[in-house]
Amino acid sequence: MGYNAAVIEGRCITKSYGGRLVLDCVSVRADRGELVAVVGPNGSGKTTLLRILAGLEEPDSGAVIRRGSITMVFQENLLLPWRSLRDNIMLGLRYSGLPKREALRRVEWAARLLGIEEHLDKKPGEVSGGTARKAAIARMLVLNPDILLLDEPLAGLDVSSRLSLLRTLNNLRSDGRSIIFVDHNIADVASVADRVYLLTPAPARVSAVVELAGLPREERLRKLVRALEG
């Protein structure tokens, strides 16, 4: 599939802050149902790229084309500690005009999909970091986006929570959603991503685009490591 099949495209995105070039003609895309990863060193502008793709910031030059609704989950969960997970997930629907019964149905659906339904009545401080991260994703998922952007969703999670969330990401893209996520763990990225964009240190450029879709698990990791070493 090419650019004409992409659900979201960033074309030659350039961005500077205070005269310092952060992104230097970075182009990425995700087709429908694809799980795309962006990998790069700290400070290479990965979060800035996601914010521009989400429409939260404007690029200095370049273009973003979105063919569908989009939401972004930040690295910080931003859950209200005094509210239950159910209420936190409901927040995005409060002003949508959706009938309460339908809103509650969506919350239950997202919680089942993410495997956190048994924790809905607990507060964020009463659950694991992985469960809280899933609740943050569920809060965006109930808005029924076509495109989901995730800023380091696996950061700070233990091995069990990471594996559970990786399975969740596969479930989310299986219904046709397009996902772009940032991460540092090469093995995790290789296990789920259809395509990986490798960024240089700032000013970030795309040093390689690694296609992994359809490859066996072991070959996925080998191919990504070769690209990183090359």
C-alpha atoms as a PDB file:
ATOM      1  CA  MET A   1       0.000   0.000   0.000  1.00  0.00           C
ATOM      2  CA  GLY A   2       1.192   3.498  -0.733  1.00  0.00           C
ATOM      3  CA  TYR A   3       0.464   7.013   0.348  1.00  0.00           C
ATOM      4  CA  ASN A   4      -2.913   7.021  -1.375  1.00  0.00           C
ATOM      5  CA  ALA A   5      -3.984   4.192   0.995  1.00  0.00           C
ATOM      6  CA  ALA A   6      -2.741   5.908   4.158  1.00  0.00           C
ATOM      7  CA  VAL A   7      -5.188   6.884   6.880  1.00  0.00           C
ATOM      8  CA  ILE A   8      -2.672   9.354   8.307  1.00  0.00           C
ATOM      9  CA  GLU A   9       0.369  10.872   6.632  1.00  0.00           C
ATOM     10  CA  GLY A  10       3.016  13.281   7.767  1.00  0.00           C
ATOM     11  CA  ARG A  11       4.860  14.646   4.740  1.00  0.00           C
ATOM     12  CA  CYS A  12       8.259  16.261   5.218  1.00  0.00           C
ATOM     13  CA  ILE A  13       7.439  17.648   8.664  1.00  0.00           C
ATOM     14  CA  THR A  14       9.863  20.323   9.856  1.00  0.00           C
ATOM     15  CA  LYS A  15       9.744  21.946  13.297  1.00  0.00           C
ATOM     16  CA  SER A  16      12.009  24.303  15.242  1.00  0.00           C
ATOM     17  CA  TYR A  17      11.878  25.714  18.762  1.00  0.00           C
ATOM     18  CA  GLY A  18      13.729  28.921  19.552  1.00  0.00           C
ATOM     19  CA  GLY A  19      15.808  28.629  16.421  1.00  0.00           C
ATOM     20  CA  ARG A  20      16.789  24.995  17.172  1.00  0.00           C
ATOM     21  CA  LEU A  21      15.756  22.550  14.459  1.00  0.00           C
ATOM     22  CA  VAL A  22      14.055  19.503  16.005  1.00  0.00           C
ATOM     23  CA  LEU A  23      12.411  17.743  13.043  1.00  0.00           C
ATOM     24  CA  ASP A  24      14.023  17.965   9.619  1.00  0.00           C
ATOM     25  CA  CYS A  25      11.668  16.792   6.854  1.00  0.00           C
ATOM     26  CA  VAL A  26      10.294  13.750   8.668  1.00  0.00           C
ATOM     27  CA  SER A  27       7.716  11.715   6.743  1.00  0.00           C
ATOM     28  CA  VAL A  28       5.628   8.898   8.249  1.00  0.00           C
ATOM     29  CA  ARG A  29       2.399   7.120   7.414  1.00  0.00           C
ATOM     30  CA  ALA A  30       0.007   4.492   8.701  1.00  0.00           C
ATOM     31  CA  ASP A  31      -2.419   2.584   6.509  1.00  0.00           C
ATOM     32  CA  ARG A  32      -5.742   1.260   7.781  1.00  0.00           C
ATOM     33  CA  GLY A  33      -5.265  -1.438  10.403  1.00  0.00           C
ATOM     34  CA  GLU A  34      -1.513  -0.881  10.632  1.00  0.00           C
ATOM     35  CA  LEU A  35       0.544  -0.680  13.803  1.00  0.00           C
ATOM     36  CA  VAL A  36       3.462   1.671  13.153  1.00  0.00           C
ATOM     37  CA  ALA A  37       6.334   2.435  15.536  1.00  0.00           C
ATOM     38  CA  VAL A  38       8.644   5.437  15.735  1.00  0.00           C
ATOM     39  CA  VAL A  39      12.019   4.750  17.357  1.00  0.00           C
ATOM     40  CA  GLY A  40      14.776   7.238  18.103  1.00  0.00           C
ATOM     41  CA  PRO A  41      17.090   8.529  20.819  1.00  0.00           C
ATOM     42  CA  ASN A  42      15.890  10.717  23.662  1.00  0.00           C
ATOM     43  CA  GLY A  43      15.331  14.277  22.510  1.00  0.00           C
ATOM     44  CA  SER A  44      14.947  13.344  18.862  1.00  0.00           C
ATOM     45  CA  GLY A  45      11.485  14.895  18.609  1.00  0.00           C
ATOM     46  CA  LYS A  46       9.296  11.794  18.714  1.00  0.00           C
ATOM     47  CA  THR A  47       6.691  13.346  21.006  1.00  0.00           C
ATOM     48  CA  THR A  48       6.747  16.543  18.958  1.00  0.00           C
ATOM     49  CA  LEU A  49       6.079  14.477  15.835  1.00  0.00           C
ATOM     50  CA  LEU A  50       3.068  12.790  17.480  1.00  0.00           C
ATOM     51  CA  ARG A  51       1.691  16.124  18.665  1.00  0.00           C
ATOM     52  CA  ILE A  52       1.945  17.515  15.135  1.00  0.00           C
ATOM     53  CA  LEU A  53       0.266  14.420  13.681  1.00  0.00           C
ATOM     54  CA  ALA A  54      -2.506  14.819  16.267  1.00  0.00           C
ATOM     55  CA  GLY A  55      -3.022  18.470  15.360  1.00  0.00           C
ATOM     56  CA  LEU A  56      -1.906  19.731  18.784  1.00  0.00           C
ATOM     57  CA  GLU A  57       0.985  21.665  17.218  1.00  0.00           C
ATOM     58  CA  GLU A  58       1.583  23.133  13.795  1.00  0.00           C
ATOM     59  CA  PRO A  59       4.684  22.240  11.763  1.00  0.00           C
ATOM     60  CA  ASP A  60       6.911  25.002  10.413  1.00  0.00           C
ATOM     61  CA  SER A  61       6.588  23.324   7.034  1.00  0.00           C
ATOM     62  CA  GLY A  62       5.269  20.096   5.592  1.00  0.00           C
ATOM     63  CA  ALA A  63       1.759  18.691   5.699  1.00  0.00           C
ATOM     64  CA  VAL A  64      -0.365  16.310   7.742  1.00  0.00           C
ATOM     65  CA  ILE A  65      -3.233  14.491   6.048  1.00  0.00           C
ATOM     66  CA  ARG A  66      -5.766  12.713   8.249  1.00  0.00           C
ATOM     67  CA  ARG A  67      -8.451  10.524   6.744  1.00  0.00           C
ATOM     68  CA  GLY A  68     -10.434   9.881   9.902  1.00  0.00           C
ATOM     69  CA  SER A  69     -10.814  10.930  13.520  1.00  0.00           C
ATOM     70  CA  ILE A  70      -7.723  10.936  15.724  1.00  0.00           C
ATOM     71  CA  THR A  71      -6.840  10.838  19.417  1.00  0.00           C
ATOM     72  CA  MET A  72      -3.540  10.840  21.310  1.00  0.00           C
ATOM     73  CA  VAL A  73      -2.649   9.106  24.588  1.00  0.00           C
ATOM     74  CA  PHE A  74       0.161  10.914  26.395  1.00  0.00           C
ATOM     75  CA  GLN A  75       2.980   9.222  28.278  1.00  0.00           C
ATOM     76  CA  GLU A  76       1.516  10.511  31.543  1.00  0.00           C
ATOM     77  CA  ASN A  77      -1.792   8.783  32.193  1.00  0.00           C
ATOM     78  CA  LEU A  78      -3.447  12.028  33.395  1.00  0.00           C
ATOM     79  CA  LEU A  79      -6.104  10.093  35.291  1.00  0.00           C
ATOM     80  CA  LEU A  80      -8.010  11.924  38.038  1.00  0.00           C
ATOM     81  CA  PRO A  81      -6.890  10.152  41.246  1.00  0.00           C
ATOM     82  CA  TRP A  82     -10.138  10.834  43.129  1.00  0.00           C
ATOM     83  CA  ARG A  83     -12.339   9.239  40.458  1.00  0.00           C
ATOM     84  CA  SER A  84     -12.840   5.571  39.607  1.00  0.00           C
ATOM     85  CA  LEU A  85     -11.440   4.152  36.390  1.00  0.00           C
ATOM     86  CA  ARG A  86     -15.019   4.013  35.093  1.00  0.00           C
ATOM     87  CA  ASP A  87     -15.499   7.736  35.696  1.00  0.00           C
ATOM     88  CA  ASN A  88     -12.087   8.534  34.205  1.00  0.00           C
ATOM     89  CA  ILE A  89     -12.894   6.615  31.048  1.00  0.00           C
ATOM     90  CA  MET A  90     -16.270   8.372  30.853  1.00  0.00           C
ATOM     91  CA  LEU A  91     -14.704  11.853  30.945  1.00  0.00           C
ATOM     92  CA  GLY A  92     -14.282  12.165  27.194  1.00  0.00           C
ATOM     93  CA  LEU A  93     -17.934  11.261  26.633  1.00  0.00           C
ATOM     94  CA  ARG A  94     -19.479  13.661  29.163  1.00  0.00           C
ATOM     95  CA  TYR A  95     -19.860  16.496  26.683  1.00  0.00           C
ATOM     96  CA  SER A  96     -20.361  14.422  23.551  1.00  0.00           C
ATOM     97  CA  GLY A  97     -24.134  14.441  23.730  1.00  0.00           C
ATOM     98  CA  LEU A  98     -24.146  10.640  23.822  1.00  0.00           C
ATOM     99  CA  PRO A  99     -26.981   9.140  25.903  1.00  0.00           C
ATOM    100  CA  LYS A 100     -25.713   7.881  29.258  1.00  0.00           C
ATOM    101  CA  ARG A 101     -26.711   4.287  28.534  1.00  0.00           C
ATOM    102  CA  GLU A 102     -24.684   4.290  25.308  1.00  0.00           C
ATOM    103  CA  ALA A 103     -21.754   5.980  27.066  1.00  0.00           C
ATOM    104  CA  LEU A 104     -21.738   3.296  29.754  1.00  0.00           C
ATOM    105  CA  ARG A 105     -21.955   0.592  27.080  1.00  0.00           C
ATOM    106  CA  ARG A 106     -18.871   2.029  25.388  1.00  0.00           C
ATOM    107  CA  VAL A 107     -16.971   2.107  28.676  1.00  0.00           C
ATOM    108  CA  GLU A 108     -17.806  -1.545  29.327  1.00  0.00           C
ATOM    109  CA  TRP A 109     -16.821  -2.456  25.764  1.00  0.00           C
ATOM    110  CA  ALA A 110     -13.444  -0.707  25.995  1.00  0.00           C
ATOM    111  CA  ALA A 111     -12.759  -2.196  29.418  1.00  0.00           C
ATOM    112  CA  ARG A 112     -13.464  -5.718  28.131  1.00  0.00           C
ATOM    113  CA  LEU A 113     -11.264  -5.172  25.098  1.00  0.00           C
ATOM    114  CA  LEU A 114      -8.410  -3.971  27.305  1.00  0.00           C
ATOM    115  CA  GLY A 115      -9.005  -6.588  30.006  1.00  0.00           C
ATOM    116  CA  ILE A 116      -9.666  -4.164  32.878  1.00  0.00           C
ATOM    117  CA  GLU A 117     -13.403  -4.614  33.463  1.00  0.00           C
ATOM    118  CA  GLU A 118     -12.830  -6.024  36.981  1.00  0.00           C
ATOM    119  CA  HIS A 119     -11.023  -2.796  37.973  1.00  0.00           C
ATOM    120  CA  LEU A 120     -13.585  -0.232  36.800  1.00  0.00           C
ATOM    121  CA  ASP A 121     -14.739   0.698  40.293  1.00  0.00           C
ATOM    122  CA  LYS A 122     -11.193   1.163  41.609  1.00  0.00           C
ATOM    123  CA  LYS A 123      -9.275   4.435  41.698  1.00  0.00           C
ATOM    124  CA  PRO A 124      -6.011   4.875  39.740  1.00  0.00           C
ATOM    125  CA  GLY A 125      -3.904   4.529  42.891  1.00  0.00           C
ATOM    126  CA  GLU A 126      -5.471   1.149  43.621  1.00  0.00           C
ATOM    127  CA  VAL A 127      -4.392  -0.555  40.386  1.00  0.00           C
ATOM    128  CA  SER A 128      -1.124  -1.450  38.683  1.00  0.00           C
ATOM    129  CA  GLY A 129       0.682   0.879  36.306  1.00  0.00           C
ATOM    130  CA  GLY A 130      -0.307  -1.334  33.394  1.00  0.00           C
ATOM    131  CA  THR A 131      -3.986  -1.192  34.314  1.00  0.00           C
ATOM    132  CA  ALA A 132      -3.833   2.589  34.713  1.00  0.00           C
ATOM    133  CA  ARG A 133      -2.180   2.880  31.284  1.00  0.00           C
ATOM    134  CA  LYS A 134      -4.937   0.767  29.764  1.00  0.00           C
ATOM    135  CA  ALA A 135      -7.553   2.997  31.408  1.00  0.00           C
ATOM    136  CA  ALA A 136      -5.902   6.028  29.790  1.00  0.00           C
ATOM    137  CA  ILE A 137      -6.078   4.281  26.417  1.00  0.00           C
ATOM    138  CA  ALA A 138      -9.698   3.259  27.058  1.00  0.00           C
ATOM    139  CA  ARG A 139     -10.603   6.904  27.759  1.00  0.00           C
ATOM    140  CA  MET A 140      -9.546   7.732  24.201  1.00  0.00           C
ATOM    141  CA  LEU A 141     -10.853   4.513  22.690  1.00  0.00           C
ATOM    142  CA  VAL A 142     -14.463   5.186  23.738  1.00  0.00           C
ATOM    143  CA  LEU A 143     -14.365   8.212  21.427  1.00  0.00           C
ATOM    144  CA  ASN A 144     -14.135   5.646  18.613  1.00  0.00           C
ATOM    145  CA  PRO A 145     -11.121   7.136  16.791  1.00  0.00           C
ATOM    146  CA  ASP A 146      -9.906   5.846  13.437  1.00  0.00           C
ATOM    147  CA  ILE A 147      -6.333   6.763  14.373  1.00  0.00           C
ATOM    148  CA  LEU A 148      -4.705   6.296  17.778  1.00  0.00           C
ATOM    149  CA  LEU A 149      -1.363   7.902  18.682  1.00  0.00           C
ATOM    150  CA  LEU A 150       0.458   6.539  21.747  1.00  0.00           C
ATOM    151  CA  ASP A 151       3.449   8.261  23.359  1.00  0.00           C
ATOM    152  CA  GLU A 152       5.604   5.553  24.975  1.00  0.00           C
ATOM    153  CA  PRO A 153       2.663   3.435  26.160  1.00  0.00           C
ATOM    154  CA  LEU A 154       4.998   0.739  27.547  1.00  0.00           C
ATOM    155  CA  ALA A 155       7.281   3.042  29.555  1.00  0.00           C
ATOM    156  CA  GLY A 156       7.709   2.063  33.199  1.00  0.00           C
ATOM    157  CA  LEU A 157       5.663  -1.140  32.948  1.00  0.00           C
ATOM    158  CA  ASP A 158       6.824  -4.522  34.213  1.00  0.00           C
ATOM    159  CA  VAL A 159       7.244  -7.444  31.821  1.00  0.00           C
ATOM    160  CA  SER A 160       3.772  -8.875  32.436  1.00  0.00           C
ATOM    161  CA  SER A 161       2.074  -5.498  31.926  1.00  0.00           C
ATOM    162  CA  ARG A 162       4.080  -4.836  28.748  1.00  0.00           C
ATOM    163  CA  LEU A 163       3.104  -8.184  27.239  1.00  0.00           C
ATOM    164  CA  SER A 164      -0.542  -7.612  28.119  1.00  0.00           C
ATOM    165  CA  LEU A 165      -0.521  -4.144  26.556  1.00  0.00           C
ATOM    166  CA  LEU A 166       1.216  -5.419  23.416  1.00  0.00           C
ATOM    167  CA  ARG A 167      -1.572  -7.978  22.995  1.00  0.00           C
ATOM    168  CA  THR A 168      -4.057  -5.158  23.461  1.00  0.00           C
ATOM    169  CA  LEU A 169      -2.420  -3.111  20.690  1.00  0.00           C
ATOM    170  CA  ASN A 170      -2.800  -6.085  18.354  1.00  0.00           C
ATOM    171  CA  ASN A 171      -6.485  -6.311  19.283  1.00  0.00           C
ATOM    172  CA  LEU A 172      -7.022  -2.619  18.616  1.00  0.00           C
ATOM    173  CA  ARG A 173      -5.589  -2.726  15.127  1.00  0.00           C
ATOM    174  CA  SER A 174      -7.453  -5.898  14.240  1.00  0.00           C
ATOM    175  CA  ASP A 175     -10.701  -3.927  13.917  1.00  0.00           C
ATOM    176  CA  GLY A 176      -9.190  -1.561  11.358  1.00  0.00           C
ATOM    177  CA  ARG A 177      -7.754   1.155  13.575  1.00  0.00           C
ATOM    178  CA  SER A 178      -4.448   2.714  12.614  1.00  0.00           C
ATOM    179  CA  ILE A 179      -1.958   3.078  15.460  1.00  0.00           C
ATOM    180  CA  ILE A 180       1.305   5.006  15.636  1.00  0.00           C
ATOM    181  CA  PHE A 181       3.313   4.581  18.827  1.00  0.00           C
ATOM    182  CA  VAL A 182       6.668   5.666  20.189  1.00  0.00           C
ATOM    183  CA  ASP A 183       8.838   3.226  22.144  1.00  0.00           C
ATOM    184  CA  HIS A 184      12.447   2.390  23.020  1.00  0.00           C
ATOM    185  CA  ASN A 185      12.287  -1.378  23.558  1.00  0.00           C
ATOM    186  CA  ILE A 186      13.411  -2.912  20.269  1.00  0.00           C
ATOM    187  CA  ALA A 187      12.147  -6.417  21.076  1.00  0.00           C
ATOM    188  CA  ASP A 188       8.687  -5.077  21.945  1.00  0.00           C
ATOM    189  CA  VAL A 189       8.569  -2.947  18.804  1.00  0.00           C
ATOM    190  CA  ALA A 190       9.678  -5.844  16.604  1.00  0.00           C
ATOM    191  CA  SER A 191       7.020  -8.135  18.081  1.00  0.00           C
ATOM    192  CA  VAL A 192       4.029  -6.036  16.980  1.00  0.00           C
ATOM    193  CA  ALA A 193       4.921  -3.291  14.482  1.00  0.00           C
ATOM    194  CA  ASP A 194       4.103  -3.589  10.795  1.00  0.00           C
ATOM    195  CA  ARG A 195       6.508  -0.757   9.992  1.00  0.00           C
ATOM    196  CA  VAL A 196       9.184   1.046  12.006  1.00  0.00           C
ATOM    197  CA  TYR A 197      10.548   4.527  11.362  1.00  0.00           C
ATOM    198  CA  LEU A 198      14.053   4.997  12.760  1.00  0.00           C
ATOM    199  CA  LEU A 199      14.939   8.591  13.613  1.00  0.00           C
ATOM    200  CA  THR A 200      18.392  10.128  13.937  1.00  0.00           C
ATOM    201  CA  PRO A 201      19.342  12.337  16.904  1.00  0.00           C
ATOM    202  CA  ALA A 202      17.959  15.876  16.628  1.00  0.00           C
ATOM    203  CA  PRO A 203      17.523  17.435  14.208  1.00  0.00           C
ATOM    204  CA  ALA A 204      15.616  14.239  13.497  1.00  0.00           C
ATOM    205  CA  ARG A 205      15.518  12.707  10.065  1.00  0.00           C
ATOM    206  CA  VAL A 206      14.234   9.285   9.058  1.00  0.00           C
ATOM    207  CA  SER A 207      17.345   7.120   8.796  1.00  0.00           C
ATOM    208  CA  ALA A 208      15.463   3.957   7.795  1.00  0.00           C
ATOM    209  CA  VAL A 209      11.962   2.600   7.249  1.00  0.00           C
ATOM    210  CA  VAL A 210      11.802  -1.073   8.270  1.00  0.00           C
ATOM    211  CA  GLU A 211       8.914  -3.148   6.922  1.00  0.00           C
ATOM    212  CA  LEU A 212       8.096  -6.051   9.272  1.00  0.00           C
ATOM    213  CA  ALA A 213       4.544  -7.066   8.342  1.00  0.00           C
ATOM    214  CA  GLY A 214       4.199 -10.769   7.605  1.00  0.00           C
ATOM    215  CA  LEU A 215       7.660 -11.750   8.854  1.00  0.00           C
ATOM    216  CA  PRO A 216       8.214 -14.487  11.472  1.00  0.00           C
ATOM    217  CA  ARG A 217       8.935 -13.173  14.972  1.00  0.00           C
ATOM    218  CA  GLU A 218      12.656 -14.039  14.940  1.00  0.00           C
ATOM    219  CA  GLU A 219      13.218 -12.470  11.523  1.00  0.00           C
ATOM    220  CA  ARG A 220      11.382  -9.319  12.619  1.00  0.00           C
ATOM    221  CA  LEU A 221      13.882  -8.688  15.411  1.00  0.00           C
ATOM    222  CA  ARG A 222      16.902  -9.564  13.258  1.00  0.00           C
ATOM    223  CA  LYS A 223      15.784  -7.218  10.498  1.00  0.00           C
ATOM    224  CA  LEU A 224      15.183  -4.338  12.908  1.00  0.00           C
ATOM    225  CA  VAL A 225      18.523  -4.849  14.649  1.00  0.00           C
ATOM    226  CA  ARG A 226      20.328  -4.896  11.274  1.00  0.00           C
ATOM    227  CA  ALA A 227      18.676  -1.622  10.354  1.00  0.00           C
ATOM    228  CA  LEU A 228      19.692  -0.048  13.670  1.00  0.00           C
ATOM    229  CA  GLU A 229      23.271  -1.221  13.259  1.00  0.00           C
ATOM    230  CA  GLY A 230      23.416  -0.084   9.636  1.00  0.00           C
END
